[in-house]
All heavy atoms as atom14 arrays in JSON, in Angstrom:
{
  "sequence": "SNCRFLVEMDLSNATDLTDFAAVAISRAVNLERLRMARCKMITDLGI",
  "atom14_mask": [
    [1, 1, 1, 1, 1, 1, 0, 0, 0, 0, 0, 0, 0, 0],
    [1, 1, 1, 1, 1, 1, 1, 1, 0, 0, 0, 0, 0, 0],
    [1, 1, 1, 1, 1, 1, 0, 0, 0, 0, 0, 0, 0, 0],
    [1, 1, 1, 1, 1, 1, 1, 1, 1, 1, 1, 0, 0, 0],
    [1, 1, 1, 1, 1, 1, 1, 1, 1, 1, 1, 0, 0, 0],
    [1, 1, 1, 1, 1, 1, 1, 1, 0, 0, 0, 0, 0, 0],
    [1, 1, 1, 1, 1, 1, 1, 0, 0, 0, 0, 0, 0, 0],
    [1, 1, 1, 1, 1, 1, 1, 1, 1, 0, 0, 0, 0, 0],
    [1, 1, 1, 1, 1, 1, 1, 1, 0, 0, 0, 0, 0, 0],
    [1, 1, 1, 1, 1, 1, 1, 1, 0, 0, 0, 0, 0, 0],
    [1, 1, 1, 1, 1, 1, 1, 1, 0, 0, 0, 0, 0, 0],
    [1, 1, 1, 1, 1, 1, 0, 0, 0, 0, 0, 0, 0, 0],
    [1, 1, 1, 1, 1, 1, 1, 1, 0, 0, 0, 0, 0, 0],
    [1, 1, 1, 1, 1, 0, 0, 0, 0, 0, 0, 0, 0, 0],
    [1, 1, 1, 1, 1, 1, 1, 0, 0, 0, 0, 0, 0, 0],
    [1, 1, 1, 1, 1, 1, 1, 1, 0, 0, 0, 0, 0, 0],
    [1, 1, 1, 1, 1, 1, 1, 1, 0, 0, 0, 0, 0, 0],
    [1, 1, 1, 1, 1, 1, 1, 0, 0, 0, 0, 0, 0, 0],
    [1, 1, 1, 1, 1, 1, 1, 1, 0, 0, 0, 0, 0, 0],
    [1, 1, 1, 1, 1, 1, 1, 1, 1, 1, 1, 0, 0, 0],
    [1, 1, 1, 1, 1, 0, 0, 0, 0, 0, 0, 0, 0, 0],
    [1, 1, 1, 1, 1, 0, 0, 0, 0, 0, 0, 0, 0, 0],
    [1, 1, 1, 1, 1, 1, 1, 0, 0, 0, 0, 0, 0, 0],
    [1, 1, 1, 1, 1, 0, 0, 0, 0, 0, 0, 0, 0, 0],
    [1, 1, 1, 1, 1, 1, 1, 1, 0, 0, 0, 0, 0, 0],
    [1, 1, 1, 1, 1, 1, 0, 0, 0, 0, 0, 0, 0, 0],
    [1, 1, 1, 1, 1, 1, 1, 1, 1, 1, 1, 0, 0, 0],
    [1, 1, 1, 1, 1, 0, 0, 0, 0, 0, 0, 0, 0, 0],
    [1, 1, 1, 1, 1, 1, 1, 0, 0, 0, 0, 0, 0, 0],
    [1, 1, 1, 1, 1, 1, 1, 1, 0, 0, 0, 0, 0, 0],
    [1, 1, 1, 1, 1, 1, 1, 1, 0, 0, 0, 0, 0, 0],
    [1, 1, 1, 1, 1, 1, 1, 1, 1, 0, 0, 0, 0, 0],
    [1, 1, 1, 1, 1, 1, 1, 1, 1, 1, 1, 0, 0, 0],
    [1, 1, 1, 1, 1, 1, 1, 1, 0, 0, 0, 0, 0, 0],
    [1, 1, 1, 1, 1, 1, 1, 1, 1, 1, 1, 0, 0, 0],
    [1, 1, 1, 1, 1, 1, 1, 1, 0, 0, 0, 0, 0, 0],
    [1, 1, 1, 1, 1, 0, 0, 0, 0, 0, 0, 0, 0, 0],
    [1, 1, 1, 1, 1, 1, 1, 1, 1, 1, 1, 0, 0, 0],
    [1, 1, 1, 1, 1, 1, 0, 0, 0, 0, 0, 0, 0, 0],
    [1, 1, 1, 1, 1, 1, 1, 1, 1, 0, 0, 0, 0, 0],
    [1, 1, 1, 1, 1, 1, 1, 1, 0, 0, 0, 0, 0, 0],
    [1, 1, 1, 1, 1, 1, 1, 1, 0, 0, 0, 0, 0, 0],
    [1, 1, 1, 1, 1, 1, 1, 0, 0, 0, 0, 0, 0, 0],
    [1, 1, 1, 1, 1, 1, 1, 1, 0, 0, 0, 0, 0, 0],
    [1, 1, 1, 1, 1, 1, 1, 1, 0, 0, 0, 0, 0, 0],
    [1, 1, 1, 1, 0, 0, 0, 0, 0, 0, 0, 0, 0, 0],
    [1, 1, 1, 1, 1, 1, 1, 1, 0, 0, 0, 0, 0, 0]
  ],
  "atom14_positions": [
    [[127.77, 107.3, 92.69], [127.23, 106.0, 92.46], [125.65, 106.0, 92.46], [125.06, 105.15, 91.8], [127.7, 105.04, 93.54], [127.37, 105.42, 94.78], [0.0, 0.0, 0.0], [0.0, 0.0, 0.0], [0.0, 0.0, 0.0], [0.0, 0.0, 0.0], [0.0, 0.0, 0.0], [0.0, 0.0, 0.0], [0.0, 0.0, 0.0], [0.0, 0.0, 0.0]],
    [[125.11, 106.97, 93.18], [123.65, 107.0, 93.27], [122.97, 107.95, 92.27], [121.84, 107.64, 91.81], [123.19, 107.41, 94.7], [123.33, 106.28, 95.7], [122.48, 105.43, 95.86], [124.45, 106.29, 96.42], [0.0, 0.0, 0.0], [0.0, 0.0, 0.0], [0.0, 0.0, 0.0], [0.0, 0.0, 0.0], [0.0, 0.0, 0.0], [0.0, 0.0, 0.0]],
    [[123.63, 109.03, 91.97], [123.12, 110.01, 91.03], [123.79, 109.75, 89.66], [124.71, 110.53, 89.31], [123.37, 111.44, 91.56], [122.65, 111.75, 93.21], [0.0, 0.0, 0.0], [0.0, 0.0, 0.0], [0.0, 0.0, 0.0], [0.0, 0.0, 0.0], [0.0, 0.0, 0.0], [0.0, 0.0, 0.0], [0.0, 0.0, 0.0], [0.0, 0.0, 0.0]],
    [[123.33, 108.79, 88.97], [123.96, 108.37, 87.77], [123.93, 109.27, 86.58], [124.63, 109.15, 85.62], [123.4, 106.97, 87.37], [123.66, 105.88, 88.39], [122.96, 104.62, 88.06], [121.51, 104.69, 88.12], [120.67, 104.65, 87.11], [121.15, 104.56, 85.87], [119.4, 104.78, 87.27], [0.0, 0.0, 0.0], [0.0, 0.0, 0.0], [0.0, 0.0, 0.0]],
    [[123.01, 110.29, 86.65], [122.82, 111.19, 85.54], [123.39, 112.58, 85.83], [123.07, 113.54, 85.13], [121.33, 111.31, 85.2], [120.71, 109.99, 84.75], [119.96, 109.29, 85.66], [121.02, 109.51, 83.54], [119.42, 108.03, 85.23], [120.43, 108.29, 83.08], [119.64, 107.55, 84.0], [0.0, 0.0, 0.0], [0.0, 0.0, 0.0], [0.0, 0.0, 0.0]],
    [[124.33, 112.65, 86.75], [125.0, 113.9, 87.0], [125.73, 114.37, 85.72], [126.49, 113.65, 85.12], [126.01, 113.78, 88.17], [125.63, 114.07, 89.54], [126.73, 113.78, 90.54], [125.21, 115.56, 89.73], [0.0, 0.0, 0.0], [0.0, 0.0, 0.0], [0.0, 0.0, 0.0], [0.0, 0.0, 0.0], [0.0, 0.0, 0.0], [0.0, 0.0, 0.0]],
    [[125.48, 115.64, 85.37], [126.22, 116.2, 84.18], [127.13, 117.37, 84.58], [127.96, 117.76, 83.81], [125.24, 116.65, 83.13], [124.47, 115.54, 82.51], [124.3, 117.81, 83.66], [0.0, 0.0, 0.0], [0.0, 0.0, 0.0], [0.0, 0.0, 0.0], [0.0, 0.0, 0.0], [0.0, 0.0, 0.0], [0.0, 0.0, 0.0], [0.0, 0.0, 0.0]],
    [[127.02, 117.86, 85.86], [127.81, 119.0, 86.25], [128.16, 118.96, 87.71], [127.3, 118.68, 88.57], [127.07, 120.32, 85.93], [127.86, 121.55, 86.31], [127.18, 122.82, 85.87], [125.99, 122.77, 85.43], [127.86, 123.93, 85.87], [0.0, 0.0, 0.0], [0.0, 0.0, 0.0], [0.0, 0.0, 0.0], [0.0, 0.0, 0.0], [0.0, 0.0, 0.0]],
    [[129.47, 119.18, 88.0], [129.95, 119.19, 89.43], [130.91, 120.36, 89.53], [131.81, 120.52, 88.64], [130.64, 117.87, 89.86], [129.76, 116.62, 89.81], [130.67, 115.14, 90.3], [130.97, 115.54, 92.07], [0.0, 0.0, 0.0], [0.0, 0.0, 0.0], [0.0, 0.0, 0.0], [0.0, 0.0, 0.0], [0.0, 0.0, 0.0], [0.0, 0.0, 0.0]],
    [[130.77, 121.09, 90.53], [131.68, 122.23, 90.88], [132.33, 121.95, 92.24], [131.67, 122.03, 93.26], [130.99, 123.59, 90.88], [131.98, 124.69, 90.89], [133.19, 124.5, 91.27], [131.65, 125.84, 90.52], [0.0, 0.0, 0.0], [0.0, 0.0, 0.0], [0.0, 0.0, 0.0], [0.0, 0.0, 0.0], [0.0, 0.0, 0.0], [0.0, 0.0, 0.0]],
    [[133.62, 121.49, 92.2], [134.31, 121.16, 93.45], [135.43, 122.17, 93.71], [136.38, 121.87, 94.41], [134.92, 119.75, 93.32], [133.91, 118.64, 92.95], [134.68, 117.32, 92.76], [132.93, 118.42, 94.1], [0.0, 0.0, 0.0], [0.0, 0.0, 0.0], [0.0, 0.0, 0.0], [0.0, 0.0, 0.0], [0.0, 0.0, 0.0], [0.0, 0.0, 0.0]],
    [[135.35, 123.32, 93.12], [136.34, 124.38, 93.28], [136.61, 124.7, 94.76], [135.65, 124.7, 95.56], [135.93, 125.64, 92.51], [135.74, 125.41, 91.19], [0.0, 0.0, 0.0], [0.0, 0.0, 0.0], [0.0, 0.0, 0.0], [0.0, 0.0, 0.0], [0.0, 0.0, 0.0], [0.0, 0.0, 0.0], [0.0, 0.0, 0.0], [0.0, 0.0, 0.0]],
    [[137.82, 124.96, 95.05], [138.26, 125.31, 96.44], [138.3, 124.24, 97.36], [138.54, 124.45, 98.58], [137.45, 126.5, 96.94], [137.37, 127.68, 96.01], [138.41, 128.2, 95.63], [136.21, 128.09, 95.59], [0.0, 0.0, 0.0], [0.0, 0.0, 0.0], [0.0, 0.0, 0.0], [0.0, 0.0, 0.0], [0.0, 0.0, 0.0], [0.0, 0.0, 0.0]],
    [[138.09, 122.97, 96.95], [138.18, 121.84, 97.88], [139.67, 121.4, 97.93], [140.11, 120.42, 97.29], [137.33, 120.65, 97.36], [0.0, 0.0, 0.0], [0.0, 0.0, 0.0], [0.0, 0.0, 0.0], [0.0, 0.0, 0.0], [0.0, 0.0, 0.0], [0.0, 0.0, 0.0], [0.0, 0.0, 0.0], [0.0, 0.0, 0.0], [0.0, 0.0, 0.0]],
    [[140.44, 122.2, 98.66], [141.88, 122.07, 98.68], [142.39, 120.8, 99.29], [143.58, 120.44, 99.12], [142.51, 123.28, 99.41], [141.94, 123.41, 100.68], [142.27, 124.57, 98.63], [0.0, 0.0, 0.0], [0.0, 0.0, 0.0], [0.0, 0.0, 0.0], [0.0, 0.0, 0.0], [0.0, 0.0, 0.0], [0.0, 0.0, 0.0], [0.0, 0.0, 0.0]],
    [[141.59, 120.12, 100.02], [142.04, 118.85, 100.7], [141.71, 117.57, 99.9], [142.13, 116.49, 100.27], [141.4, 118.76, 102.08], [141.92, 119.81, 103.04], [143.0, 120.27, 102.86], [141.12, 120.22, 103.95], [0.0, 0.0, 0.0], [0.0, 0.0, 0.0], [0.0, 0.0, 0.0], [0.0, 0.0, 0.0], [0.0, 0.0, 0.0], [0.0, 0.0, 0.0]],
    [[140.99, 117.75, 98.8], [140.7, 116.54, 97.98], [141.96, 116.01, 97.36], [142.81, 116.67, 96.87], [139.71, 116.86, 96.91], [138.23, 117.18, 97.31], [137.35, 117.42, 96.08], [137.69, 116.07, 98.15], [0.0, 0.0, 0.0], [0.0, 0.0, 0.0], [0.0, 0.0, 0.0], [0.0, 0.0, 0.0], [0.0, 0.0, 0.0], [0.0, 0.0, 0.0]],
    [[142.04, 114.65, 97.32], [143.22, 114.04, 96.75], [142.8, 113.19, 95.51], [141.69, 113.31, 95.03], [143.78, 113.01, 97.79], [142.85, 111.97, 98.04], [144.13, 113.73, 99.05], [0.0, 0.0, 0.0], [0.0, 0.0, 0.0], [0.0, 0.0, 0.0], [0.0, 0.0, 0.0], [0.0, 0.0, 0.0], [0.0, 0.0, 0.0], [0.0, 0.0, 0.0]],
    [[143.71, 112.43, 95.0], [143.46, 111.62, 93.8], [142.36, 110.57, 94.05], [141.69, 110.13, 93.06], [144.75, 110.97, 93.33], [145.69, 111.92, 92.7], [145.28, 112.98, 92.21], [146.94, 111.65, 92.64], [0.0, 0.0, 0.0], [0.0, 0.0, 0.0], [0.0, 0.0, 0.0], [0.0, 0.0, 0.0], [0.0, 0.0, 0.0], [0.0, 0.0, 0.0]],
    [[142.09, 110.23, 95.31], [140.99, 109.3, 95.6], [139.68, 109.92, 95.14], [138.78, 109.31, 94.71], [140.97, 108.92, 97.1], [142.12, 108.04, 97.47], [143.11, 108.48, 98.29], [142.09, 106.72, 97.02], [144.15, 107.57, 98.67], [143.12, 105.83, 97.41], [144.17, 106.27, 98.24], [0.0, 0.0, 0.0], [0.0, 0.0, 0.0], [0.0, 0.0, 0.0]],
    [[139.56, 111.25, 95.33], [138.32, 111.93, 94.96], [138.22, 111.9, 93.4], [137.16, 111.74, 92.86], [138.32, 113.36, 95.44], [0.0, 0.0, 0.0], [0.0, 0.0, 0.0], [0.0, 0.0, 0.0], [0.0, 0.0, 0.0], [0.0, 0.0, 0.0], [0.0, 0.0, 0.0], [0.0, 0.0, 0.0], [0.0, 0.0, 0.0], [0.0, 0.0, 0.0]],
    [[139.36, 112.1, 92.73], [139.34, 112.05, 91.25], [138.93, 110.7, 90.78], [138.21, 110.57, 89.73], [140.77, 112.42, 90.73], [0.0, 0.0, 0.0], [0.0, 0.0, 0.0], [0.0, 0.0, 0.0], [0.0, 0.0, 0.0], [0.0, 0.0, 0.0], [0.0, 0.0, 0.0], [0.0, 0.0, 0.0], [0.0, 0.0, 0.0], [0.0, 0.0, 0.0]],
    [[139.37, 109.66, 91.47], [138.94, 108.24, 91.1], [137.41, 108.14, 91.2], [136.78, 107.56, 90.33], [139.64, 107.22, 91.95], [139.06, 105.81, 91.7], [141.15, 107.24, 91.7], [0.0, 0.0, 0.0], [0.0, 0.0, 0.0], [0.0, 0.0, 0.0], [0.0, 0.0, 0.0], [0.0, 0.0, 0.0], [0.0, 0.0, 0.0], [0.0, 0.0, 0.0]],
    [[136.88, 108.69, 92.28], [135.42, 108.72, 92.51], [134.7, 109.43, 91.42], [133.67, 108.99, 90.84], [135.06, 109.24, 93.87], [0.0, 0.0, 0.0], [0.0, 0.0, 0.0], [0.0, 0.0, 0.0], [0.0, 0.0, 0.0], [0.0, 0.0, 0.0], [0.0, 0.0, 0.0], [0.0, 0.0, 0.0], [0.0, 0.0, 0.0], [0.0, 0.0, 0.0]],
    [[135.23, 110.58, 91.04], [134.62, 111.4, 89.97], [134.62, 110.68, 88.64], [133.68, 110.8, 87.88], [135.38, 112.73, 89.85], [135.24, 113.58, 91.09], [134.9, 113.52, 88.62], [136.16, 114.79, 91.14], [0.0, 0.0, 0.0], [0.0, 0.0, 0.0], [0.0, 0.0, 0.0], [0.0, 0.0, 0.0], [0.0, 0.0, 0.0], [0.0, 0.0, 0.0]],
    [[135.63, 109.91, 88.41], [135.77, 109.23, 87.19], [134.65, 108.22, 86.89], [134.41, 107.75, 85.74], [137.12, 108.43, 87.07], [137.13, 107.35, 87.99], [0.0, 0.0, 0.0], [0.0, 0.0, 0.0], [0.0, 0.0, 0.0], [0.0, 0.0, 0.0], [0.0, 0.0, 0.0], [0.0, 0.0, 0.0], [0.0, 0.0, 0.0], [0.0, 0.0, 0.0]],
    [[133.92, 107.92, 87.89], [132.8, 106.95, 87.72], [131.5, 107.67, 87.27], [130.49, 107.01, 87.03], [132.5, 106.19, 89.01], [133.75, 105.35, 89.49], [133.38, 104.39, 90.64], [134.6, 103.71, 91.03], [135.31, 104.01, 92.13], [134.92, 104.98, 92.97], [136.39, 103.3, 92.44], [0.0, 0.0, 0.0], [0.0, 0.0, 0.0], [0.0, 0.0, 0.0]],
    [[131.51, 108.98, 87.22], [130.42, 109.83, 86.79], [130.47, 109.86, 85.23], [130.9, 110.81, 84.63], [130.43, 111.21, 87.37], [0.0, 0.0, 0.0], [0.0, 0.0, 0.0], [0.0, 0.0, 0.0], [0.0, 0.0, 0.0], [0.0, 0.0, 0.0], [0.0, 0.0, 0.0], [0.0, 0.0, 0.0], [0.0, 0.0, 0.0], [0.0, 0.0, 0.0]],
    [[130.07, 108.75, 84.59], [130.33, 108.6, 83.12], [129.51, 109.58, 82.3], [129.85, 109.75, 81.12], [129.94, 107.15, 82.75], [130.96, 106.19, 83.44], [128.51, 106.8, 83.06], [0.0, 0.0, 0.0], [0.0, 0.0, 0.0], [0.0, 0.0, 0.0], [0.0, 0.0, 0.0], [0.0, 0.0, 0.0], [0.0, 0.0, 0.0], [0.0, 0.0, 0.0]],
    [[128.45, 110.19, 82.91], [127.65, 111.18, 82.1], [128.09, 112.64, 82.29], [127.5, 113.55, 81.81], [126.19, 111.05, 82.4], [125.62, 109.71, 81.98], [125.69, 109.39, 80.75], [125.05, 108.9, 82.85], [0.0, 0.0, 0.0], [0.0, 0.0, 0.0], [0.0, 0.0, 0.0], [0.0, 0.0, 0.0], [0.0, 0.0, 0.0], [0.0, 0.0, 0.0]],
    [[129.13, 112.78, 83.1], [129.61, 114.14, 83.46], [130.04, 114.92, 82.2], [130.8, 114.45, 81.43], [130.74, 114.05, 84.45], [130.97, 115.25, 85.37], [129.73, 115.45, 86.29], [132.2, 115.03, 86.27], [0.0, 0.0, 0.0], [0.0, 0.0, 0.0], [0.0, 0.0, 0.0], [0.0, 0.0, 0.0], [0.0, 0.0, 0.0], [0.0, 0.0, 0.0]],
    [[129.5, 116.2, 82.13], [129.92, 117.04, 80.97], [130.67, 118.29, 81.43], [131.41, 118.8, 80.65], [128.57, 117.44, 80.24], [127.85, 116.31, 79.59], [126.54, 116.8, 78.85], [126.38, 118.05, 78.77], [125.89, 115.93, 78.32], [0.0, 0.0, 0.0], [0.0, 0.0, 0.0], [0.0, 0.0, 0.0], [0.0, 0.0, 0.0], [0.0, 0.0, 0.0]],
    [[130.38, 118.78, 82.7], [131.01, 119.97, 83.18], [131.69, 119.7, 84.54], [130.9, 119.33, 85.43], [130.11, 121.16, 83.18], [129.59, 121.58, 81.81], [128.57, 122.68, 81.82], [127.34, 122.31, 82.53], [126.35, 121.57, 81.88], [126.49, 121.2, 80.66], [125.27, 121.26, 82.57], [0.0, 0.0, 0.0], [0.0, 0.0, 0.0], [0.0, 0.0, 0.0]],
    [[132.96, 119.93, 84.66], [133.66, 119.67, 85.95], [134.61, 120.8, 86.23], [135.48, 121.12, 85.5], [134.49, 118.4, 85.82], [135.35, 117.97, 87.0], [134.49, 117.8, 88.24], [136.19, 116.77, 86.7], [0.0, 0.0, 0.0], [0.0, 0.0, 0.0], [0.0, 0.0, 0.0], [0.0, 0.0, 0.0], [0.0, 0.0, 0.0], [0.0, 0.0, 0.0]],
    [[134.36, 121.43, 87.42], [135.21, 122.53, 87.84], [135.93, 122.1, 89.14], [135.34, 121.74, 90.08], [134.38, 123.78, 88.1], [133.81, 124.38, 86.8], [132.86, 125.57, 87.1], [132.41, 126.18, 85.88], [131.29, 125.79, 85.24], [130.6, 124.73, 85.68], [130.91, 126.35, 84.13], [0.0, 0.0, 0.0], [0.0, 0.0, 0.0], [0.0, 0.0, 0.0]],
    [[137.3, 122.22, 89.03], [138.15, 121.73, 90.14], [139.17, 122.79, 90.46], [140.31, 122.5, 90.93], [138.8, 120.42, 89.8], [137.87, 119.31, 89.47], [138.72, 117.78, 89.0], [139.44, 117.35, 90.57], [0.0, 0.0, 0.0], [0.0, 0.0, 0.0], [0.0, 0.0, 0.0], [0.0, 0.0, 0.0], [0.0, 0.0, 0.0], [0.0, 0.0, 0.0]],
    [[138.87, 124.06, 90.32], [139.81, 125.15, 90.62], [140.36, 125.02, 92.09], [139.56, 124.85, 92.99], [139.19, 126.5, 90.38], [0.0, 0.0, 0.0], [0.0, 0.0, 0.0], [0.0, 0.0, 0.0], [0.0, 0.0, 0.0], [0.0, 0.0, 0.0], [0.0, 0.0, 0.0], [0.0, 0.0, 0.0], [0.0, 0.0, 0.0], [0.0, 0.0, 0.0]],
    [[141.62, 125.2, 92.2], [142.32, 125.15, 93.49], [142.26, 123.82, 94.22], [142.48, 123.81, 95.45], [141.82, 126.33, 94.38], [142.12, 127.71, 93.87], [141.59, 128.79, 94.81], [141.93, 130.07, 94.27], [141.14, 130.7, 93.4], [140.0, 130.1, 92.98], [141.47, 131.9, 92.92], [0.0, 0.0, 0.0], [0.0, 0.0, 0.0], [0.0, 0.0, 0.0]],
    [[141.95, 122.78, 93.5], [142.14, 121.39, 94.1], [143.68, 121.09, 93.99], [144.03, 120.28, 93.15], [141.22, 120.4, 93.37], [139.45, 120.72, 93.65], [0.0, 0.0, 0.0], [0.0, 0.0, 0.0], [0.0, 0.0, 0.0], [0.0, 0.0, 0.0], [0.0, 0.0, 0.0], [0.0, 0.0, 0.0], [0.0, 0.0, 0.0], [0.0, 0.0, 0.0]],
    [[144.42, 121.59, 94.89], [145.83, 121.61, 94.7], [146.55, 120.28, 94.99], [147.7, 120.12, 94.65], [146.48, 122.67, 95.62], [146.0, 124.11, 95.29], [146.61, 125.13, 96.28], [146.13, 126.56, 95.9], [146.68, 127.62, 96.74], [0.0, 0.0, 0.0], [0.0, 0.0, 0.0], [0.0, 0.0, 0.0], [0.0, 0.0, 0.0], [0.0, 0.0, 0.0]],
    [[145.82, 119.32, 95.6], [146.38, 118.06, 95.85], [146.1, 117.01, 94.77], [146.57, 115.88, 94.88], [145.9, 117.58, 97.23], [146.33, 118.48, 98.4], [145.87, 117.85, 100.02], [146.92, 116.41, 100.16], [0.0, 0.0, 0.0], [0.0, 0.0, 0.0], [0.0, 0.0, 0.0], [0.0, 0.0, 0.0], [0.0, 0.0, 0.0], [0.0, 0.0, 0.0]],
    [[145.3, 117.37, 93.84], [145.04, 116.48, 92.69], [146.2, 116.49, 91.84], [146.76, 117.51, 91.45], [143.73, 116.92, 91.91], [142.53, 116.99, 92.82], [143.51, 116.06, 90.72], [142.04, 115.65, 93.27], [0.0, 0.0, 0.0], [0.0, 0.0, 0.0], [0.0, 0.0, 0.0], [0.0, 0.0, 0.0], [0.0, 0.0, 0.0], [0.0, 0.0, 0.0]],
    [[146.65, 115.29, 91.37], [147.84, 115.19, 90.5], [147.47, 114.57, 89.15], [146.29, 114.3, 88.85], [148.87, 114.27, 91.16], [148.4, 112.93, 91.17], [149.16, 114.64, 92.6], [0.0, 0.0, 0.0], [0.0, 0.0, 0.0], [0.0, 0.0, 0.0], [0.0, 0.0, 0.0], [0.0, 0.0, 0.0], [0.0, 0.0, 0.0], [0.0, 0.0, 0.0]],
    [[148.48, 114.37, 88.36], [148.29, 113.79, 87.01], [147.57, 112.44, 87.09], [146.83, 112.07, 86.21], [149.63, 113.67, 86.29], [150.2, 115.01, 85.91], [149.45, 115.98, 85.75], [151.46, 115.05, 85.81], [0.0, 0.0, 0.0], [0.0, 0.0, 0.0], [0.0, 0.0, 0.0], [0.0, 0.0, 0.0], [0.0, 0.0, 0.0], [0.0, 0.0, 0.0]],
    [[147.92, 111.73, 88.14], [147.33, 110.41, 88.31], [145.76, 110.47, 88.39], [145.04, 109.71, 87.76], [147.91, 109.7, 89.57], [147.33, 108.25, 89.87], [147.67, 107.31, 88.73], [147.98, 107.76, 91.18], [0.0, 0.0, 0.0], [0.0, 0.0, 0.0], [0.0, 0.0, 0.0], [0.0, 0.0, 0.0], [0.0, 0.0, 0.0], [0.0, 0.0, 0.0]],
    [[145.36, 111.35, 89.29], [143.83, 111.57, 89.42], [143.2, 112.08, 88.16], [142.16, 111.6, 87.79], [0.0, 0.0, 0.0], [0.0, 0.0, 0.0], [0.0, 0.0, 0.0], [0.0, 0.0, 0.0], [0.0, 0.0, 0.0], [0.0, 0.0, 0.0], [0.0, 0.0, 0.0], [0.0, 0.0, 0.0], [0.0, 0.0, 0.0], [0.0, 0.0, 0.0]],
    [[143.88, 113.07, 87.58], [143.3, 113.63, 86.31], [143.25, 112.58, 85.16], [142.31, 112.51, 84.37], [144.08, 114.85, 85.84], [143.89, 116.04, 86.86], [143.72, 115.34, 84.47], [142.43, 116.45, 87.0], [0.0, 0.0, 0.0], [0.0, 0.0, 0.0], [0.0, 0.0, 0.0], [0.0, 0.0, 0.0], [0.0, 0.0, 0.0], [0.0, 0.0, 0.0]]
  ]
}
């Protein structure tokens, strides 16, 4: 919400993140590169 011009986030290995985190990510409207390797609790809903 504060860094509105984020274009890249690497959240790999954040195994405890849930779909709530994906909802937060979805507000980064300028995002171009997103890495979520091993975010095993993220589901289709969050994606």
